[in-house]
Amino acid sequence: MKVQDILTDEGKWCQGSLSMRNEDGTYRHCLVGALLELPNAQIAVAKIHERIGLMSISAWNDAPERTFPEVRALIEELDI
């Protein structure tokens, strides 16, 4: 499984919370919440930090200007 399989569209992404339940019973995850779903997230975390620097992944995901297309582009670019 990859983060790409979890954050497939904007309806499955969130900010300000690791995960939240939608009305239909499905879940939204922030980037960190999606990483926590992986059996071995360390490699993905290292790739993200190589790309975004020392900023925390949560802070990057939750930045007010952050958009889902930016998150999706990052996870596709890093193939995670």
Protein backbone atom coordinates (compact mmCIF):
# COMPACT_ATOMS: atom_id res chain seq x y z
CA MET A 1 0.00 0.00 0.00
CA LYS A 2 1.10 3.56 -0.73
CA VAL A 3 -0.03 6.98 0.45
CA GLN A 4 -1.25 7.44 -3.14
CA ASP A 5 -3.76 4.63 -2.51
CA ILE A 6 -5.13 6.41 0.57
CA LEU A 7 -5.17 10.06 -0.56
CA THR A 8 -6.84 9.40 -3.90
CA ASP A 9 -8.96 12.55 -4.01
CA GLU A 10 -9.68 15.72 -2.07
CA GLY A 11 -12.54 14.04 -0.22
CA LYS A 12 -10.04 11.69 1.42
CA TRP A 13 -7.65 14.45 2.60
CA CYS A 14 -7.92 16.76 5.59
CA GLN A 15 -6.01 19.40 7.48
CA GLY A 16 -5.76 19.98 11.21
CA SER A 17 -6.46 16.39 12.23
CA LEU A 18 -4.73 13.07 11.62
CA SER A 19 -8.00 11.53 10.47
CA MET A 20 -11.68 12.33 10.53
CA ARG A 21 -14.75 10.31 9.70
CA ASN A 22 -17.01 11.44 6.86
CA GLU A 23 -20.79 11.18 7.11
CA ASP A 24 -20.73 8.11 4.85
CA GLY A 25 -18.39 6.26 7.22
CA THR A 26 -15.25 6.70 5.12
CA TYR A 27 -12.23 8.51 6.48
CA ARG A 28 -10.19 11.56 5.54
CA HIS A 29 -6.51 11.62 6.47
CA CYS A 30 -3.89 14.31 6.55
CA LEU A 31 -0.54 13.34 5.07
CA VAL A 32 0.71 12.13 8.47
CA GLY A 33 -2.50 10.19 9.09
CA ALA A 34 -2.07 8.47 5.73
CA LEU A 35 1.55 7.66 6.56
CA LEU A 36 0.40 6.01 9.80
CA GLU A 37 -1.67 3.59 7.71
CA LEU A 38 1.46 2.23 6.03
CA PRO A 39 3.15 -0.87 7.44
CA ASN A 40 6.60 0.68 6.97
CA ALA A 41 6.34 4.46 6.79
CA GLN A 42 9.97 5.31 7.58
CA ILE A 43 11.08 5.27 3.93
CA ALA A 44 8.18 7.50 2.88
CA VAL A 45 8.85 9.90 5.76
CA ALA A 46 12.52 10.14 4.78
CA LYS A 47 11.58 10.88 1.15
CA ILE A 48 9.18 13.62 2.23
CA HIS A 49 11.77 15.24 4.48
CA GLU A 50 14.34 15.17 1.66
CA ARG A 51 11.84 17.13 -0.43
CA ILE A 52 10.34 19.58 2.12
CA GLY A 53 13.34 20.00 4.41
CA LEU A 54 13.18 20.16 8.17
CA MET A 55 9.61 21.47 8.35
CA SER A 56 7.35 18.97 10.06
CA ILE A 57 5.13 17.01 7.73
CA SER A 58 2.10 18.08 9.78
CA ALA A 59 3.02 21.76 9.46
CA TRP A 60 3.53 21.36 5.72
CA ASN A 61 0.17 19.57 5.27
CA ASP A 62 -1.69 22.01 7.54
CA ALA A 63 -0.30 25.24 6.10
CA PRO A 64 -3.32 27.45 5.29
CA GLU A 65 -2.16 27.86 1.70
CA ARG A 66 -1.68 24.09 1.15
CA THR A 67 -3.99 22.47 -1.39
CA PHE A 68 -4.81 18.86 -2.11
CA PRO A 69 -3.28 19.09 -5.61
CA GLU A 70 0.04 20.04 -3.96
CA VAL A 71 -0.17 17.09 -1.58
CA ARG A 72 -1.10 14.75 -4.42
CA ALA A 73 1.74 16.06 -6.58
CA LEU A 74 4.24 15.46 -3.77
CA ILE A 75 3.16 11.87 -3.13
CA GLU A 76 3.14 11.12 -6.86
CA GLU A 77 6.54 12.75 -7.40
CA LEU A 78 8.02 10.72 -4.53
CA ASP A 79 6.10 7.57 -5.54
CA ILE A 80 4.94 6.91 -2.01
